[in-house]
Structures are given as structure tokens and as C-alpha cells.
Amino acid sequence: MNIQLTNKRILITGGAGFIGSNLSEVLLEKGNTVICLDNFATGRKENIAHLLPNPNYTFIEGDIRNLTDCHQSVKNVDYVLHQAALGSVPRSIKDPITSNDVNVSGFLNMLVASRDAGVKRFIYAASSSTYGDSESLPKVEETIGKPLSPYAITKYVNELYADVFSKTYGLETIGLRYFNVFGRKQDPNGAYAAVIPKFVSQFMAGESPIINGDGEYSRDFTYIDNVIQANILCMLTENKEAINTVYNVAFGERNTLNDLITYLKESLSEFDPKIKDIQVAYGPNRVGDIPHSLASIDKAKNLLNYNPQYSLKKGLEEAIKWYWNNL
């Protein structure tokens, strides 16, 4: 999808992270100026090393919990793409205070700095975890349940703060509820690695991945290029009805973890045939996990002209090529 956005100054918080660094690359390619704010808590220097020589790219090592860093980063900025956060449900259960400090206090700092700087629009990473214990499928933006983890609480609070800032201060805000994003540059290492890169790296090493539960939990896995499209559309839209609200960002298709394993084996065995014979192991369900997730993307389609191009299978083919050459 060819989307025109050029000659804008765009701040990406968490710009050295998985999603932030991919956004940076695409926006620079389109002729924009990109400012990156990151403290490398979860971002990686290697994700942005190739961007540093670009005269249209500025890196600021700073922390969204520091209001001075936030004010410095938003100077003369048109749009803020706020990706900085401490992700992971298990991490938030283990350490809810730090998750709250980053995801709530840091978020509020960025809102204040954006308001003070007269930023045109503040677009932020929300989360499908906000749907909590709601069992209705597909997930529709206006119907949520009670949060099931500290992480989910922080992401819901972000939406409440954004809504208040749009109504009270006139700051244009759009929240994007990401559903299980995956793709190039997603880190397979660490205790809180996302499931797809973790499984890929284990298969490539000849190891058996461990699935939490019986593998029948399902997710709406969303390839990174669908997420990039949504962020750009949020900057471009001049539709008043499309602003100061939240959207699901997903493909709109549900796959079980067992489905995921099948697709991973298919794609990886093209590089190494032995992988198709590796068996997976099954463990207990993880505390705070939502059993099933499927997004309605009608709202984003209707108001933003969102048109995701990558299903799980198509996205995995692209992602695995990258992992095979970079892990």
C-alpha cells in the first residue's frame, strides 16, 4: 500500500525498540525527519545503528519518566508516535511498580510535553490486553472487560488520560490497540520475549518450544507492516470522526498456538528440513493470559481506510527470512 507522508518532523518514543525502529526506517525512507527517544531498557542499539548517519535522524538517549527529556524531544515536532513502554504481562505481574512508572507516569509526561509543545497529534501504542475478561469475540473497541494484569491496567489508564487530554486541552490523540505484533527485529531473547521470535530461535537451534497450556488459546497475530500502515494513516487522516478515539490494529483473523507451530515448521523447514520433525512440549497456562483474542477491524477500515496486507502466514514468511539471515 503506497501511503504518502513526507516532510514531517516525527518523534518516536521507544524508537530503538522492535516497532519503533521499523517505524523509523519507513518514515525516513518517505522523506521525513525522525527523532528517536529511547533509554535502551528494552530497545537495542543495533536496531538503529544504521540510521545514525542519516542527517534526518536524531537520537536522544533519555527516559520518558524524566519530564525534561520529554520536553527536549518534542521541540518543533509535528507528530508523536508513542511506542515507549514496558511490555509483557508476566513482567508487570512480577514488578507492577516499574511497569506503572513507565507506562502510566511516563505516558503522562509525554502527554504534558506534547501539549506544551503544541504537537499536532499524539498517536500511541495501546493494547489488546485492555479487553481483559470480556469473552465477546470479535473484540470491538467500545466493549471491554476488567483488566487481568497490571500491564493491562496501565494500558487502559493510557486511554483514559489521552481522552481527558483531548477533551481538556485540545490535544489530538489516537490510540492503537495492537494485537500480538510480530516481525523483523523482534528480540527472541530474554525472559519476556514474544512467542513468535522465541519459538523461531528455538526451532532454529533444534530445541523444542514449550507452549503454555494445550495450544488451543488463540490470537490475532499482526505483522509489523500492518502496524506501520495504521500509524501512518493516523498521521494522515483529517477526518474529525477518526481523531480522539482508539482502534484495533490487527489482521482480523484468529489462529491457535498449535496453528502457529504448524506454520512455523512449514516456513522454517524450507531452510532446514529437520525442523519439521521437532516436537513441541506443553506446560501450564500462564497467569493473566486471555484465552482467545480476535479483533474487529471494521472501525479502522471505515474511519482510517486501514487495509492490512499481511495474514499470519504471509507475515511469517517475511519474518522468518529476516530471522534466518540475522539470528
Protein backbone atom coordinates (compact mmCIF):
# COMPACT_ATOMS: atom_id res chain seq x y z
CA MET A 1 0.00 0.00 0.00
CA ASN A 2 1.55 3.28 -1.12
CA ILE A 3 0.86 5.89 1.56
CA GLN A 4 2.22 9.41 1.11
CA LEU A 5 3.60 11.15 4.17
CA THR A 6 6.65 13.35 3.72
CA ASN A 7 8.49 16.38 5.10
CA LYS A 8 7.15 15.95 8.64
CA ARG A 9 9.02 16.03 11.96
CA ILE A 10 8.06 12.92 13.87
CA LEU A 11 9.10 11.88 17.37
CA ILE A 12 9.11 8.15 18.04
CA THR A 13 9.43 7.26 21.70
CA GLY A 14 10.85 3.79 22.19
CA GLY A 15 12.37 4.33 18.75
CA ALA A 16 15.13 1.75 19.27
CA GLY A 17 12.58 -0.96 20.02
CA PHE A 18 11.04 -3.51 17.69
CA ILE A 19 8.08 -1.42 16.47
CA GLY A 20 9.77 1.97 16.89
CA SER A 21 12.83 1.12 14.81
CA ASN A 22 10.69 -0.30 11.99
CA LEU A 23 8.59 2.87 12.00
CA SER A 24 11.76 4.97 11.92
CA GLU A 25 13.09 3.20 8.83
CA VAL A 26 9.89 3.58 6.84
CA LEU A 27 9.32 7.22 7.80
CA LEU A 28 12.88 8.16 6.89
CA GLU A 29 12.51 6.39 3.55
CA LYS A 30 9.45 8.55 2.89
CA GLY A 31 11.47 11.75 3.39
CA ASN A 32 10.55 12.70 6.94
CA THR A 33 12.68 13.87 9.84
CA VAL A 34 12.66 11.37 12.70
CA ILE A 35 13.62 11.98 16.32
CA CYS A 36 14.07 8.89 18.48
CA LEU A 37 13.84 8.89 22.27
CA ASP A 38 14.92 5.68 24.00
CA ASN A 39 16.69 4.57 27.18
CA PHE A 40 17.52 1.06 25.92
CA ALA A 41 15.54 -0.62 28.69
CA THR A 42 14.09 -2.90 26.02
CA GLY A 43 15.27 -1.17 22.83
CA ARG A 44 18.51 -2.25 21.16
CA LYS A 45 21.34 -0.13 19.78
CA GLU A 46 21.77 -2.49 16.84
CA ASN A 47 18.20 -1.72 15.72
CA ILE A 48 19.14 1.89 14.95
CA ALA A 49 22.91 1.79 14.28
CA HIS A 50 22.38 2.04 10.51
CA LEU A 51 20.08 5.07 10.96
CA LEU A 52 22.51 7.22 12.96
CA PRO A 53 24.45 8.57 9.93
CA ASN A 54 21.22 9.79 8.31
CA PRO A 55 21.09 13.62 8.59
CA ASN A 56 17.31 13.43 9.01
CA TYR A 57 17.61 11.17 12.05
CA THR A 58 18.26 12.36 15.61
CA PHE A 59 18.73 10.02 18.53
CA ILE A 60 18.15 11.22 22.11
CA GLU A 61 19.09 8.82 24.87
CA GLY A 62 16.57 9.62 27.56
CA ASP A 63 13.74 8.31 29.68
CA ILE A 64 10.04 9.13 29.42
CA ARG A 65 9.95 9.12 33.23
CA ASN A 66 12.11 12.27 33.06
CA LEU A 67 9.89 15.23 32.07
CA THR A 68 12.93 17.25 30.92
CA ASP A 69 13.83 14.51 28.42
CA CYS A 70 10.25 14.54 27.17
CA HIS A 71 10.22 18.31 26.69
CA GLN A 72 13.56 18.20 24.87
CA SER A 73 12.40 15.51 22.47
CA VAL A 74 9.13 17.16 21.35
CA LYS A 75 10.60 20.52 20.26
CA ASN A 76 9.23 21.56 16.84
CA VAL A 77 7.64 18.14 16.32
CA ASP A 78 4.53 17.65 14.16
CA TYR A 79 3.56 14.19 15.38
CA VAL A 80 4.41 11.95 18.32
CA LEU A 81 4.32 8.18 17.85
CA HIS A 82 4.47 6.98 21.44
CA GLN A 83 5.76 3.40 21.40
CA ALA A 84 7.79 3.50 24.62
CA ALA A 85 6.50 1.13 27.30
CA LEU A 86 7.43 -1.84 29.42
CA GLY A 87 5.53 -4.63 27.71
CA SER A 88 4.77 -8.14 28.94
CA VAL A 89 2.02 -9.35 31.24
CA PRO A 90 4.41 -11.58 33.26
CA ARG A 91 6.86 -8.70 33.78
CA SER A 92 4.07 -6.50 35.13
CA ILE A 93 2.92 -9.26 37.48
CA LYS A 94 6.46 -9.66 38.80
CA ASP A 95 7.14 -5.91 39.08
CA PRO A 96 3.95 -3.83 38.87
CA ILE A 97 5.56 -0.67 40.25
CA THR A 98 8.11 -0.27 37.44
CA SER A 99 5.50 -1.11 34.79
CA ASN A 100 3.25 1.59 36.23
CA ASP A 101 6.07 4.15 36.44
CA VAL A 102 6.99 3.70 32.78
CA ASN A 103 3.59 3.03 31.26
CA VAL A 104 1.49 5.50 33.26
CA SER A 105 3.78 8.20 34.67
CA GLY A 106 5.95 8.17 31.54
CA PHE A 107 2.88 8.33 29.35
CA LEU A 108 1.53 11.29 31.29
CA ASN A 109 4.89 13.07 30.94
CA MET A 110 4.73 12.64 27.17
CA LEU A 111 1.17 13.96 27.03
CA VAL A 112 2.15 17.03 29.05
CA ALA A 113 5.24 17.68 26.92
CA SER A 114 3.25 17.24 23.70
CA ARG A 115 0.54 19.60 24.93
CA ASP A 116 3.12 22.21 25.95
CA ALA A 117 4.93 21.96 22.60
CA GLY A 118 1.78 22.31 20.52
CA VAL A 119 2.20 18.93 18.84
CA LYS A 120 -0.39 18.38 16.09
CA ARG A 121 -1.28 14.82 17.06
CA PHE A 122 -0.27 12.24 19.68
CA ILE A 123 -0.60 8.65 18.44
CA TYR A 124 0.12 5.97 20.99
CA ALA A 125 0.51 2.22 21.33
CA ALA A 126 -2.48 0.89 23.22
CA SER A 127 -3.03 -2.82 23.76
CA SER A 128 -5.48 -5.65 23.15
CA SER A 129 -4.91 -6.55 26.83
CA THR A 130 -7.41 -3.77 27.59
CA TYR A 131 -10.23 -6.17 26.68
CA GLY A 132 -9.45 -8.08 29.86
CA ASP A 133 -12.01 -10.66 30.92
CA SER A 134 -14.50 -9.75 28.19
CA GLU A 135 -15.34 -13.02 26.42
CA SER A 136 -17.07 -11.50 23.41
CA LEU A 137 -15.48 -12.16 20.01
CA PRO A 138 -14.51 -10.38 17.89
CA LYS A 139 -13.22 -7.62 20.13
CA VAL A 140 -14.99 -4.35 19.38
CA GLU A 141 -13.42 -1.10 20.60
CA GLU A 142 -16.40 0.07 22.65
CA THR A 143 -16.80 -3.17 24.65
CA ILE A 144 -14.10 -4.05 27.18
CA GLY A 145 -13.94 -6.08 30.38
CA LYS A 146 -11.93 -5.86 33.59
CA PRO A 147 -8.13 -5.94 33.19
CA LEU A 148 -6.39 -9.21 34.06
CA SER A 149 -2.89 -7.87 34.80
CA PRO A 150 -1.06 -4.74 35.97
CA TYR A 151 0.12 -4.27 32.38
CA ALA A 152 -3.45 -4.25 31.11
CA ILE A 153 -4.39 -1.67 33.76
CA THR A 154 -1.58 0.64 32.65
CA LYS A 155 -2.63 0.48 29.01
CA TYR A 156 -6.25 1.20 29.87
CA VAL A 157 -5.18 4.16 32.01
CA ASN A 158 -3.28 5.47 28.95
CA GLU A 159 -6.54 5.54 27.03
CA LEU A 160 -8.31 7.39 29.85
CA TYR A 161 -5.54 10.00 30.09
CA ALA A 162 -5.49 10.50 26.31
CA ASP A 163 -9.24 11.03 26.28
CA VAL A 164 -9.01 13.61 29.08
CA PHE A 165 -6.18 15.47 27.35
CA SER A 166 -8.09 15.64 24.07
CA LYS A 167 -11.21 16.97 25.81
CA THR A 168 -9.49 19.26 28.30
CA TYR A 169 -6.52 20.64 26.34
CA GLY A 170 -7.49 20.04 22.72
CA LEU A 171 -4.56 17.70 22.07
CA GLU A 172 -5.47 15.36 19.21
CA THR A 173 -4.90 11.76 20.30
CA ILE A 174 -5.36 8.35 18.68
CA GLY A 175 -4.77 5.03 20.45
CA LEU A 176 -3.87 1.87 18.56
CA ARG A 177 -4.71 -1.36 20.35
CA TYR A 178 -2.04 -3.66 18.97
CA PHE A 179 -2.83 -7.36 18.74
CA ASN A 180 0.22 -9.66 19.09
CA VAL A 181 2.58 -7.82 16.76
CA PHE A 182 5.46 -9.77 15.21
CA GLY A 183 8.11 -9.33 12.55
CA ARG A 184 11.68 -8.34 11.76
CA LYS A 185 13.82 -7.02 14.63
CA GLN A 186 11.66 -8.54 17.34
CA ASP A 187 14.04 -9.78 20.03
CA PRO A 188 13.94 -13.56 20.62
CA ASN A 189 15.99 -13.34 23.82
CA GLY A 190 15.18 -12.56 27.42
CA ALA A 191 12.63 -13.77 29.92
CA TYR A 192 9.81 -11.75 28.33
CA ALA A 193 10.46 -12.44 24.66
CA ALA A 194 7.37 -12.57 22.45
CA VAL A 195 6.24 -16.04 21.46
CA ILE A 196 6.99 -15.96 17.71
CA PRO A 197 10.67 -14.92 17.77
CA LYS A 198 11.22 -17.15 20.79
CA PHE A 199 9.77 -20.18 19.02
CA VAL A 200 11.67 -19.37 15.82
CA SER A 201 15.02 -19.16 17.61
CA GLN A 202 14.31 -22.41 19.48
CA PHE A 203 13.40 -24.29 16.31
CA MET A 204 16.50 -22.92 14.57
CA ALA A 205 18.61 -24.20 17.48
CA GLY A 206 16.97 -27.64 17.25
CA GLU A 207 15.14 -27.17 20.55
CA SER A 208 11.52 -27.98 21.46
CA PRO A 209 9.42 -24.90 22.23
CA ILE A 210 7.16 -25.03 25.28
CA ILE A 211 3.57 -23.91 24.75
CA ASN A 212 1.65 -22.55 27.73
CA GLY A 213 -1.48 -24.68 28.01
CA ASP A 214 -2.81 -27.11 25.38
CA GLY A 215 -2.05 -24.86 22.41
CA GLU A 216 -5.69 -24.05 21.74
CA TYR A 217 -5.50 -20.50 23.05
CA SER A 218 -5.90 -18.27 20.01
CA ARG A 219 -4.54 -14.90 18.95
CA ASP A 220 -4.96 -12.34 16.18
CA PHE A 221 -1.28 -12.23 15.17
CA THR A 222 -0.38 -8.97 13.43
CA TYR A 223 2.61 -8.45 11.14
CA ILE A 224 4.69 -5.31 11.67
CA ASP A 225 3.87 -3.80 8.26
CA ASN A 226 0.16 -3.73 9.16
CA VAL A 227 1.10 -1.73 12.28
CA ILE A 228 3.24 0.70 10.28
CA GLN A 229 0.34 1.29 7.89
CA ALA A 230 -2.01 2.08 10.78
CA ASN A 231 0.40 4.59 12.36
CA ILE A 232 0.89 6.43 9.07
CA LEU A 233 -2.86 6.56 8.41
CA CYS A 234 -3.35 8.09 11.86
CA MET A 235 -0.98 10.92 10.97
CA LEU A 236 -2.57 11.49 7.57
CA THR A 237 -6.25 11.50 8.49
CA GLU A 238 -8.13 14.78 8.55
CA ASN A 239 -11.43 13.10 9.33
CA LYS A 240 -12.61 14.64 12.61
CA GLU A 241 -14.54 11.49 13.47
CA ALA A 242 -11.31 9.47 13.18
CA ILE A 243 -9.45 11.50 15.84
CA ASN A 244 -9.61 11.28 19.65
CA THR A 245 -10.54 7.63 19.72
CA VAL A 246 -8.97 4.15 19.76
CA TYR A 247 -8.65 1.46 17.11
CA ASN A 248 -7.87 -2.22 16.96
CA VAL A 249 -4.76 -2.86 14.88
CA ALA A 250 -4.78 -6.48 13.75
CA PHE A 251 -5.40 -8.62 10.71
CA GLY A 252 -8.84 -9.75 11.86
CA GLU A 253 -8.08 -13.47 11.83
CA ARG A 254 -7.72 -15.90 14.72
CA ASN A 255 -5.06 -18.63 14.90
CA THR A 256 -4.32 -21.04 17.74
CA LEU A 257 -0.81 -21.57 19.07
CA ASN A 258 -0.95 -25.04 17.52
CA ASP A 259 -1.73 -23.39 14.16
CA LEU A 260 1.24 -21.11 14.72
CA ILE A 261 3.56 -24.06 15.33
CA THR A 262 2.38 -25.70 12.09
CA TYR A 263 3.05 -22.55 10.05
CA LEU A 264 6.45 -22.01 11.69
CA LYS A 265 7.53 -25.55 10.89
CA GLU A 266 6.36 -25.18 7.28
CA SER A 267 8.31 -21.97 6.72
CA LEU A 268 11.43 -22.94 8.67
CA SER A 269 11.72 -26.41 7.13
CA GLU A 270 12.32 -24.74 3.75
CA PHE A 271 15.64 -23.59 5.26
CA ASP A 272 16.29 -26.70 7.37
CA PRO A 273 14.16 -29.83 6.68
CA LYS A 274 14.99 -31.32 10.10
CA ILE A 275 12.88 -28.67 11.81
CA LYS A 276 9.60 -30.26 10.69
CA ASP A 277 10.36 -33.25 12.93
CA ILE A 278 10.92 -31.26 16.13
CA GLN A 279 8.18 -31.89 18.68
CA VAL A 280 6.79 -29.19 20.97
CA ALA A 281 6.18 -29.52 24.71
CA TYR A 282 3.14 -28.32 26.65
CA GLY A 283 3.17 -26.63 30.04
CA PRO A 284 0.70 -24.92 32.38
CA ASN A 285 -1.35 -21.92 31.32
CA ARG A 286 0.23 -18.56 32.13
CA VAL A 287 -1.33 -16.32 34.79
CA GLY A 288 -3.05 -13.26 33.32
CA ASP A 289 -3.34 -14.66 29.79
CA ILE A 290 -6.53 -14.08 27.83
CA PRO A 291 -7.72 -17.40 26.32
CA HIS A 292 -8.88 -16.06 22.96
CA SER A 293 -8.33 -12.87 21.04
CA LEU A 294 -9.79 -11.76 17.73
CA ALA A 295 -10.14 -8.17 16.60
CA SER A 296 -12.87 -6.47 14.70
CA ILE A 297 -11.02 -4.08 12.38
CA ASP A 298 -14.16 -2.53 10.90
CA LYS A 299 -13.70 0.76 12.74
CA ALA A 300 -10.15 1.25 11.43
CA LYS A 301 -11.23 0.23 7.94
CA ASN A 302 -14.16 2.66 7.92
CA LEU A 303 -12.54 5.70 9.54
CA LEU A 304 -8.85 5.34 8.62
CA ASN A 305 -9.06 3.30 5.40
CA TYR A 306 -6.90 0.68 7.14
CA ASN A 307 -6.30 -2.27 4.82
CA PRO A 308 -3.88 -4.81 6.34
CA GLN A 309 -1.94 -6.77 3.73
CA TYR A 310 -0.28 -9.45 5.86
CA SER A 311 -2.02 -12.50 7.33
CA LEU A 312 -0.18 -14.58 9.93
CA LYS A 313 1.06 -17.00 7.26
CA LYS A 314 2.22 -14.28 4.86
CA GLY A 315 3.83 -12.29 7.66
CA LEU A 316 5.66 -15.35 8.98
CA GLU A 317 7.17 -15.99 5.55
CA GLU A 318 8.66 -12.48 5.61
CA ALA A 319 9.68 -12.59 9.27
CA ILE A 320 11.40 -15.96 9.03
CA LYS A 321 13.51 -14.82 6.07
CA TRP A 322 14.75 -11.98 8.28
CA TYR A 323 15.36 -14.22 11.30
CA TRP A 324 17.18 -16.82 9.27
CA ASN A 325 19.62 -14.18 7.99
CA ASN A 326 20.00 -12.24 11.23
CA LEU A 327 19.89 -14.64 14.18
